[in-house]
Amino acid sequence: MTEQNKSDQNTASEPEKENADATQQAQESTADTANQDDQYERLKETTEKIWDSTRQAFNTATFKANQYKKLVQKKIDLSALHKKIGATHAELGKLIDDLREAGKKSIMSQASVKEILSRLDDLKAEAAHLEEEIEQIRTDGVEQSAVKEAAKYD
């Protein structure tokens, strides 16, 4: 081949090489963009999972805290009622002793004794109601925990 033909071949193949290089760079750029998009999607999914876990943990903690607060308040109320019941028992005992010392007959049929016994029955009924509420709060917590655990696996 002559020098001129070689030169013409080199010139002709240079645009083809440039075109091939441009095509390869475009493919690499597209591959890089696709790779970046995949990384972005994975990061987005991971972030969403972390946020969901954080939100669920916060909701669980808030629920448990509110449940505990209600439970403690009910127990405080129940304790106060037990103190009132104890004080009413003491009042009844003192009244019965005073009536016995005064020589009264049919102590249990006295109006003041009946009134204290009625008050005692009311306090005991209220205490029983509070104990039921405390048990209900406890069972609600167990049921709520079971529902949340089941929701994790859905």
N, C-alpha and C. Protein backbone atom coordinates (compact mmCIF):
# COMPACT_ATOMS: atom_id res chain seq x y z
N MET A 1 0.82 -1.15 0.00
CA MET A 1 0.00 0.00 0.00
C MET A 1 0.88 1.24 0.00
N THR A 2 0.31 2.20 -0.59
CA THR A 2 1.09 3.43 -0.67
C THR A 2 0.88 4.22 0.58
N GLU A 3 1.72 5.16 0.71
CA GLU A 3 1.67 6.03 1.88
C GLU A 3 0.36 6.80 1.89
N GLN A 4 -0.12 7.20 0.76
CA GLN A 4 -1.36 7.97 0.65
C GLN A 4 -2.54 7.13 1.09
N ASN A 5 -2.58 5.84 0.66
CA ASN A 5 -3.70 4.96 1.02
C ASN A 5 -3.73 4.70 2.52
N LYS A 6 -2.57 4.53 3.12
CA LYS A 6 -2.50 4.32 4.57
C LYS A 6 -3.02 5.55 5.29
N SER A 7 -2.66 6.68 4.81
CA SER A 7 -3.10 7.93 5.42
C SER A 7 -4.61 8.06 5.30
N ASP A 8 -5.15 7.70 4.12
CA ASP A 8 -6.60 7.79 3.92
C ASP A 8 -7.32 6.77 4.83
N GLN A 9 -6.70 5.59 4.99
CA GLN A 9 -7.32 4.58 5.86
C GLN A 9 -7.31 5.05 7.31
N ASN A 10 -6.23 5.63 7.77
CA ASN A 10 -6.15 6.14 9.14
C ASN A 10 -7.16 7.24 9.35
N THR A 11 -7.30 8.09 8.36
CA THR A 11 -8.24 9.20 8.47
C THR A 11 -9.67 8.65 8.51
N ALA A 12 -9.92 7.66 7.72
CA ALA A 12 -11.26 7.09 7.68
C ALA A 12 -11.57 6.34 8.97
N SER A 13 -10.58 5.69 9.54
CA SER A 13 -10.85 4.92 10.74
C SER A 13 -10.89 5.79 11.99
N GLU A 14 -10.30 6.95 11.96
CA GLU A 14 -10.34 7.84 13.14
C GLU A 14 -11.76 8.27 13.47
N PRO A 15 -12.58 8.70 12.49
CA PRO A 15 -13.96 9.03 12.86
C PRO A 15 -14.71 7.81 13.38
N GLU A 16 -14.41 6.63 12.84
CA GLU A 16 -15.07 5.42 13.33
C GLU A 16 -14.65 5.13 14.76
N LYS A 17 -13.34 5.35 15.04
CA LYS A 17 -12.84 5.15 16.41
C LYS A 17 -13.48 6.15 17.36
N GLU A 18 -13.56 7.38 16.93
CA GLU A 18 -14.18 8.42 17.77
C GLU A 18 -15.64 8.08 18.02
N ASN A 19 -16.31 7.60 16.98
CA ASN A 19 -17.71 7.22 17.10
C ASN A 19 -17.86 6.03 18.05
N ALA A 20 -16.97 5.06 17.93
CA ALA A 20 -16.99 3.90 18.82
C ALA A 20 -16.69 4.31 20.25
N ASP A 21 -15.71 5.23 20.41
CA ASP A 21 -15.39 5.73 21.75
C ASP A 21 -16.58 6.46 22.36
N ALA A 22 -17.25 7.27 21.56
CA ALA A 22 -18.41 8.01 22.04
C ALA A 22 -19.52 7.05 22.44
N THR A 23 -19.72 6.01 21.63
CA THR A 23 -20.75 5.01 21.94
C THR A 23 -20.41 4.29 23.23
N GLN A 24 -19.14 3.95 23.39
CA GLN A 24 -18.70 3.24 24.61
C GLN A 24 -18.87 4.15 25.83
N GLN A 25 -18.51 5.42 25.69
CA GLN A 25 -18.67 6.36 26.80
C GLN A 25 -20.14 6.54 27.15
N ALA A 26 -21.01 6.58 26.14
CA ALA A 26 -22.45 6.71 26.38
C ALA A 26 -22.97 5.49 27.12
N GLN A 27 -22.48 4.31 26.71
CA GLN A 27 -22.90 3.08 27.39
C GLN A 27 -22.41 3.06 28.83
N GLU A 28 -21.17 3.48 29.04
CA GLU A 28 -20.63 3.53 30.41
C GLU A 28 -21.40 4.55 31.23
N SER A 29 -21.72 5.69 30.63
CA SER A 29 -22.47 6.72 31.32
C SER A 29 -23.86 6.20 31.71
N THR A 30 -24.49 5.48 30.76
CA THR A 30 -25.80 4.90 31.04
C THR A 30 -25.70 3.84 32.14
N ALA A 31 -24.65 3.04 32.09
CA ALA A 31 -24.44 2.02 33.11
C ALA A 31 -24.19 2.68 34.47
N ASP A 32 -23.39 3.76 34.48
CA ASP A 32 -23.13 4.47 35.74
C ASP A 32 -24.42 5.07 36.28
N THR A 33 -25.21 5.66 35.40
CA THR A 33 -26.48 6.25 35.83
C THR A 33 -27.41 5.17 36.39
N ALA A 34 -27.47 4.03 35.71
CA ALA A 34 -28.31 2.93 36.18
C ALA A 34 -27.80 2.43 37.53
N ASN A 35 -26.48 2.34 37.67
CA ASN A 35 -25.88 1.91 38.94
C ASN A 35 -26.21 2.91 40.05
N GLN A 36 -26.12 4.20 39.72
CA GLN A 36 -26.44 5.23 40.71
C GLN A 36 -27.92 5.17 41.09
N ASP A 37 -28.77 4.93 40.09
CA ASP A 37 -30.20 4.81 40.37
C ASP A 37 -30.48 3.62 41.28
N ASP A 38 -29.79 2.49 41.02
CA ASP A 38 -29.96 1.31 41.87
C ASP A 38 -29.50 1.59 43.29
N GLN A 39 -28.37 2.27 43.41
CA GLN A 39 -27.87 2.62 44.75
C GLN A 39 -28.83 3.55 45.46
N TYR A 40 -29.37 4.51 44.71
CA TYR A 40 -30.33 5.45 45.29
C TYR A 40 -31.58 4.72 45.76
N GLU A 41 -32.08 3.80 44.96
CA GLU A 41 -33.27 3.03 45.33
C GLU A 41 -33.01 2.17 46.57
N ARG A 42 -31.84 1.54 46.62
CA ARG A 42 -31.49 0.73 47.80
C ARG A 42 -31.39 1.60 49.04
N LEU A 43 -30.78 2.77 48.88
CA LEU A 43 -30.67 3.70 50.01
C LEU A 43 -32.04 4.17 50.45
N LYS A 44 -32.90 4.46 49.49
CA LYS A 44 -34.26 4.90 49.79
C LYS A 44 -35.04 3.81 50.53
N GLU A 45 -34.93 2.57 50.04
CA GLU A 45 -35.62 1.45 50.70
C GLU A 45 -35.11 1.25 52.11
N THR A 46 -33.79 1.31 52.27
CA THR A 46 -33.19 1.13 53.60
C THR A 46 -33.64 2.23 54.54
N THR A 47 -33.64 3.45 54.05
CA THR A 47 -34.08 4.59 54.87
C THR A 47 -35.54 4.44 55.28
N GLU A 48 -36.37 4.01 54.34
CA GLU A 48 -37.79 3.81 54.66
C GLU A 48 -37.97 2.71 55.70
N LYS A 49 -37.19 1.63 55.58
CA LYS A 49 -37.28 0.54 56.57
C LYS A 49 -36.85 1.02 57.95
N ILE A 50 -35.78 1.80 57.98
CA ILE A 50 -35.30 2.33 59.27
C ILE A 50 -36.35 3.25 59.87
N TRP A 51 -36.93 4.12 59.03
CA TRP A 51 -37.95 5.05 59.52
C TRP A 51 -39.17 4.28 60.03
N ASP A 52 -39.61 3.26 59.29
CA ASP A 52 -40.75 2.46 59.73
C ASP A 52 -40.47 1.79 61.07
N SER A 53 -39.27 1.25 61.22
CA SER A 53 -38.90 0.60 62.49
C SER A 53 -38.86 1.62 63.62
N THR A 54 -38.32 2.79 63.34
CA THR A 54 -38.25 3.84 64.36
C THR A 54 -39.65 4.29 64.76
N ARG A 55 -40.51 4.49 63.77
CA ARG A 55 -41.88 4.92 64.05
C ARG A 55 -42.63 3.86 64.84
N GLN A 56 -42.44 2.60 64.47
CA GLN A 56 -43.10 1.52 65.19
C GLN A 56 -42.60 1.43 66.64
N ALA A 57 -41.30 1.58 66.83
CA ALA A 57 -40.73 1.55 68.18
C ALA A 57 -41.27 2.71 69.00
N PHE A 58 -41.36 3.89 68.39
CA PHE A 58 -41.88 5.05 69.10
C PHE A 58 -43.35 4.84 69.48
N ASN A 59 -44.14 4.34 68.54
CA ASN A 59 -45.56 4.09 68.84
C ASN A 59 -45.72 3.06 69.94
N THR A 60 -44.92 2.01 69.90
CA THR A 60 -44.99 0.99 70.95
C THR A 60 -44.60 1.56 72.30
N ALA A 61 -43.53 2.35 72.31
CA ALA A 61 -43.08 2.95 73.57
C ALA A 61 -44.13 3.91 74.12
N THR A 62 -44.74 4.70 73.24
CA THR A 62 -45.78 5.63 73.68
C THR A 62 -46.97 4.89 74.23
N PHE A 63 -47.39 3.84 73.52
CA PHE A 63 -48.52 3.05 73.99
C PHE A 63 -48.23 2.44 75.36
N LYS A 64 -47.05 1.84 75.48
CA LYS A 64 -46.68 1.21 76.76
C LYS A 64 -46.62 2.25 77.88
N ALA A 65 -46.08 3.43 77.57
CA ALA A 65 -45.98 4.48 78.60
C ALA A 65 -47.36 4.92 79.05
N ASN A 66 -48.27 5.12 78.10
CA ASN A 66 -49.64 5.52 78.47
C ASN A 66 -50.35 4.42 79.24
N GLN A 67 -50.13 3.19 78.82
CA GLN A 67 -50.73 2.07 79.53
C GLN A 67 -50.19 2.00 80.96
N TYR A 68 -48.90 2.16 81.10
CA TYR A 68 -48.28 2.12 82.43
C TYR A 68 -48.80 3.27 83.29
N LYS A 69 -48.95 4.44 82.70
CA LYS A 69 -49.46 5.61 83.43
C LYS A 69 -50.87 5.34 83.95
N LYS A 70 -51.74 4.78 83.10
CA LYS A 70 -53.10 4.45 83.52
C LYS A 70 -53.08 3.41 84.64
N LEU A 71 -52.24 2.40 84.46
CA LEU A 71 -52.15 1.32 85.44
C LEU A 71 -51.70 1.86 86.80
N VAL A 72 -50.69 2.70 86.80
CA VAL A 72 -50.18 3.26 88.05
C VAL A 72 -51.25 4.12 88.71
N GLN A 73 -51.97 4.94 87.92
CA GLN A 73 -53.01 5.79 88.49
C GLN A 73 -54.12 4.94 89.12
N LYS A 74 -54.50 3.88 88.44
CA LYS A 74 -55.54 3.00 89.00
C LYS A 74 -55.06 2.34 90.29
N LYS A 75 -53.80 1.94 90.31
CA LYS A 75 -53.27 1.33 91.53
C LYS A 75 -53.20 2.34 92.67
N ILE A 76 -52.86 3.58 92.37
CA ILE A 76 -52.85 4.63 93.40
C ILE A 76 -54.26 4.81 93.94
N ASP A 77 -55.24 4.87 93.02
CA ASP A 77 -56.64 5.02 93.45
C ASP A 77 -57.08 3.83 94.30
N LEU A 78 -56.67 2.64 93.90
CA LEU A 78 -57.03 1.43 94.66
C LEU A 78 -56.39 1.46 96.04
N SER A 79 -55.16 1.89 96.11
CA SER A 79 -54.48 1.99 97.41
C SER A 79 -55.19 2.99 98.32
N ALA A 80 -55.61 4.11 97.75
CA ALA A 80 -56.35 5.11 98.54
C ALA A 80 -57.67 4.53 99.04
N LEU A 81 -58.33 3.75 98.18
CA LEU A 81 -59.59 3.12 98.59
C LEU A 81 -59.36 2.11 99.71
N HIS A 82 -58.29 1.35 99.63
CA HIS A 82 -57.99 0.38 100.69
C HIS A 82 -57.72 1.10 102.02
N LYS A 83 -57.10 2.26 101.94
CA LYS A 83 -56.89 3.04 103.17
C LYS A 83 -58.23 3.51 103.72
N LYS A 84 -59.14 3.95 102.84
CA LYS A 84 -60.47 4.38 103.29
C LYS A 84 -61.23 3.20 103.90
N ILE A 85 -61.09 2.02 103.28
CA ILE A 85 -61.76 0.84 103.82
C ILE A 85 -61.22 0.51 105.20
N GLY A 86 -59.90 0.59 105.35
CA GLY A 86 -59.29 0.35 106.67
C GLY A 86 -59.77 1.36 107.70
N ALA A 87 -59.84 2.63 107.30
CA ALA A 87 -60.31 3.67 108.23
C ALA A 87 -61.77 3.45 108.58
N THR A 88 -62.57 3.02 107.61
CA THR A 88 -63.99 2.77 107.87
C THR A 88 -64.17 1.56 108.79
N HIS A 89 -63.33 0.53 108.60
CA HIS A 89 -63.36 -0.60 109.53
C HIS A 89 -63.04 -0.15 110.95
N ALA A 90 -62.04 0.69 111.06
CA ALA A 90 -61.66 1.18 112.40
C ALA A 90 -62.80 2.00 113.00
N GLU A 91 -63.43 2.83 112.16
CA GLU A 91 -64.56 3.65 112.63
C GLU A 91 -65.72 2.75 113.08
N LEU A 92 -66.00 1.71 112.31
CA LEU A 92 -67.06 0.77 112.66
C LEU A 92 -66.73 0.05 113.96
N GLY A 93 -65.51 -0.41 114.08
CA GLY A 93 -65.11 -1.10 115.31
C GLY A 93 -65.24 -0.21 116.53
N LYS A 94 -64.81 1.05 116.39
CA LYS A 94 -64.91 1.99 117.52
C LYS A 94 -66.37 2.24 117.88
N LEU A 95 -67.22 2.42 116.85
CA LEU A 95 -68.64 2.67 117.10
C LEU A 95 -69.28 1.48 117.80
N ILE A 96 -68.97 0.27 117.32
CA ILE A 96 -69.53 -0.93 117.95
C ILE A 96 -69.07 -1.03 119.41
N ASP A 97 -67.80 -0.76 119.65
CA ASP A 97 -67.28 -0.81 121.01
C ASP A 97 -67.95 0.23 121.90
N ASP A 98 -68.11 1.45 121.35
CA ASP A 98 -68.78 2.52 122.12
C ASP A 98 -70.23 2.13 122.43
N LEU A 99 -70.93 1.58 121.45
CA LEU A 99 -72.32 1.19 121.67
C LEU A 99 -72.42 0.04 122.68
N ARG A 100 -71.47 -0.89 122.62
CA ARG A 100 -71.47 -2.00 123.56
C ARG A 100 -71.22 -1.51 124.97
N GLU A 101 -70.25 -0.56 125.10
CA GLU A 101 -69.96 -0.01 126.43
C GLU A 101 -71.12 0.80 126.98
N ALA A 102 -71.89 1.41 126.07
CA ALA A 102 -73.06 2.18 126.50
C ALA A 102 -74.23 1.28 126.85
N GLY A 103 -74.08 -0.02 126.62
CA GLY A 103 -75.12 -0.97 126.99
C GLY A 103 -76.22 -1.08 125.97
N LYS A 104 -75.99 -0.62 124.77
CA LYS A 104 -77.02 -0.71 123.72
C LYS A 104 -77.22 -2.15 123.31
N LYS A 105 -78.45 -2.47 123.04
CA LYS A 105 -78.79 -3.80 122.56
C LYS A 105 -78.98 -3.72 121.05
N SER A 106 -78.88 -4.81 120.35
CA SER A 106 -79.04 -4.87 118.89
C SER A 106 -78.14 -3.85 118.21
N ILE A 107 -76.89 -3.98 118.47
CA ILE A 107 -75.90 -3.03 117.95
C ILE A 107 -75.93 -2.99 116.42
N MET A 108 -76.08 -4.15 115.78
CA MET A 108 -76.03 -4.20 114.32
C MET A 108 -77.25 -3.57 113.68
N SER A 109 -78.30 -3.38 114.41
CA SER A 109 -79.50 -2.76 113.84
C SER A 109 -79.53 -1.25 114.06
N GLN A 110 -78.51 -0.69 114.67
CA GLN A 110 -78.43 0.75 114.89
C GLN A 110 -78.23 1.46 113.54
N ALA A 111 -78.83 2.62 113.36
CA ALA A 111 -78.76 3.37 112.10
C ALA A 111 -77.32 3.77 111.77
N SER A 112 -76.55 4.19 112.77
CA SER A 112 -75.17 4.61 112.50
C SER A 112 -74.31 3.43 112.05
N VAL A 113 -74.54 2.25 112.61
CA VAL A 113 -73.79 1.06 112.20
C VAL A 113 -74.17 0.68 110.77
N LYS A 114 -75.48 0.72 110.46
CA LYS A 114 -75.93 0.40 109.11
C LYS A 114 -75.36 1.38 108.08
N GLU A 115 -75.29 2.64 108.48
CA GLU A 115 -74.74 3.66 107.56
C GLU A 115 -73.26 3.39 107.26
N ILE A 116 -72.50 3.03 108.30
CA ILE A 116 -71.08 2.72 108.09
C ILE A 116 -70.92 1.45 107.27
N LEU A 117 -71.76 0.44 107.53
CA LEU A 117 -71.70 -0.80 106.75
C LEU A 117 -72.05 -0.53 105.28
N SER A 118 -73.01 0.34 105.05
CA SER A 118 -73.38 0.71 103.68
C SER A 118 -72.22 1.42 102.98
N ARG A 119 -71.57 2.33 103.69
CA ARG A 119 -70.40 3.03 103.15
C ARG A 119 -69.28 2.04 102.83
N LEU A 120 -69.11 1.07 103.73
CA LEU A 120 -68.10 0.03 103.53
C LEU A 120 -68.41 -0.80 102.28
N ASP A 121 -69.68 -1.16 102.08
CA ASP A 121 -70.07 -1.92 100.89
C ASP A 121 -69.78 -1.12 99.62
N ASP A 122 -70.07 0.19 99.64
CA ASP A 122 -69.80 1.04 98.48
C ASP A 122 -68.30 1.10 98.18
N LEU A 123 -67.50 1.25 99.22
CA LEU A 123 -66.05 1.31 99.02
C LEU A 123 -65.51 -0.01 98.46
N LYS A 124 -66.03 -1.13 98.97
CA LYS A 124 -65.58 -2.44 98.48
C LYS A 124 -66.00 -2.64 97.02
N ALA A 125 -67.20 -2.19 96.66
CA ALA A 125 -67.66 -2.31 95.27
C ALA A 125 -66.78 -1.46 94.35
N GLU A 126 -66.45 -0.27 94.80
CA GLU A 126 -65.58 0.62 94.01
C GLU A 126 -64.18 0.00 93.86
N ALA A 127 -63.69 -0.61 94.93
CA ALA A 127 -62.37 -1.27 94.86
C ALA A 127 -62.41 -2.45 93.88
N ALA A 128 -63.49 -3.21 93.91
CA ALA A 128 -63.62 -4.34 92.98
C ALA A 128 -63.66 -3.83 91.53
N HIS A 129 -64.36 -2.72 91.32
CA HIS A 129 -64.42 -2.13 89.97
C HIS A 129 -63.03 -1.68 89.51
N LEU A 130 -62.28 -1.06 90.40
CA LEU A 130 -60.91 -0.63 90.05
C LEU A 130 -60.02 -1.82 89.75
N GLU A 131 -60.17 -2.89 90.50
CA GLU A 131 -59.37 -4.09 90.23
C GLU A 131 -59.70 -4.67 88.85
N GLU A 132 -60.98 -4.62 88.47
CA GLU A 132 -61.37 -5.07 87.13
C GLU A 132 -60.74 -4.19 86.06
N GLU A 133 -60.75 -2.87 86.29
CA GLU A 133 -60.15 -1.94 85.33
C GLU A 133 -58.64 -2.19 85.19
N ILE A 134 -58.00 -2.46 86.31
CA ILE A 134 -56.55 -2.76 86.28
C ILE A 134 -56.30 -4.02 85.46
N GLU A 135 -57.10 -5.03 85.66
CA GLU A 135 -56.94 -6.27 84.90
C GLU A 135 -57.22 -6.03 83.42
N GLN A 136 -58.21 -5.20 83.13
CA GLN A 136 -58.54 -4.88 81.74
C GLN A 136 -57.38 -4.16 81.05
N ILE A 137 -56.75 -3.24 81.75
CA ILE A 137 -55.59 -2.53 81.20
C ILE A 137 -54.46 -3.51 80.91
N ARG A 138 -54.25 -4.43 81.82
CA ARG A 138 -53.20 -5.45 81.61
C ARG A 138 -53.50 -6.33 80.41
N THR A 139 -54.74 -6.81 80.29
CA THR A 139 -55.08 -7.68 79.16
C THR A 139 -55.08 -6.91 77.85
N ASP A 140 -55.47 -5.62 77.86
CA ASP A 140 -55.41 -4.80 76.65
C ASP A 140 -53.97 -4.69 76.17
N GLY A 141 -53.06 -4.55 77.10
CA GLY A 141 -51.65 -4.45 76.75
C GLY A 141 -51.13 -5.71 76.12
N VAL A 142 -51.54 -6.86 76.65
CA VAL A 142 -51.11 -8.14 76.09
C VAL A 142 -51.70 -8.33 74.70
N GLU A 143 -53.00 -7.99 74.55
CA GLU A 143 -53.65 -8.12 73.24
C GLU A 143 -53.01 -7.17 72.23
N GLN A 144 -52.74 -5.94 72.65
CA GLN A 144 -52.12 -4.95 71.76
C GLN A 144 -50.74 -5.42 71.32
N SER A 145 -49.98 -5.99 72.24
CA SER A 145 -48.65 -6.50 71.90
C SER A 145 -48.76 -7.64 70.90
N ALA A 146 -49.73 -8.51 71.09
CA ALA A 146 -49.92 -9.63 70.17
C ALA A 146 -50.30 -9.13 68.78
N VAL A 147 -51.15 -8.11 68.72
CA VAL A 147 -51.55 -7.54 67.43
C VAL A 147 -50.36 -6.92 66.73
N LYS A 148 -49.54 -6.19 67.48
CA LYS A 148 -48.35 -5.57 66.88
C LYS A 148 -47.36 -6.61 66.41
N GLU A 149 -47.19 -7.69 67.16
CA GLU A 149 -46.28 -8.75 66.74
C GLU A 149 -46.79 -9.40 65.45
N ALA A 150 -48.10 -9.62 65.38
CA ALA A 150 -48.68 -10.22 64.17
C ALA A 150 -48.52 -9.27 62.98
N ALA A 151 -48.64 -7.98 63.21
CA ALA A 151 -48.50 -6.99 62.13
C ALA A 151 -47.09 -6.98 61.57
N LYS A 152 -46.11 -7.31 62.38
CA LYS A 152 -44.72 -7.34 61.91
C LYS A 152 -44.55 -8.36 60.79
N TYR A 153 -45.27 -9.47 60.88
CA TYR A 153 -45.08 -10.57 59.96
C TYR A 153 -46.03 -10.52 58.77
N ASP A 154 -46.88 -9.52 58.73
CA ASP A 154 -47.80 -9.39 57.56
C ASP A 154 -47.10 -8.76 56.39
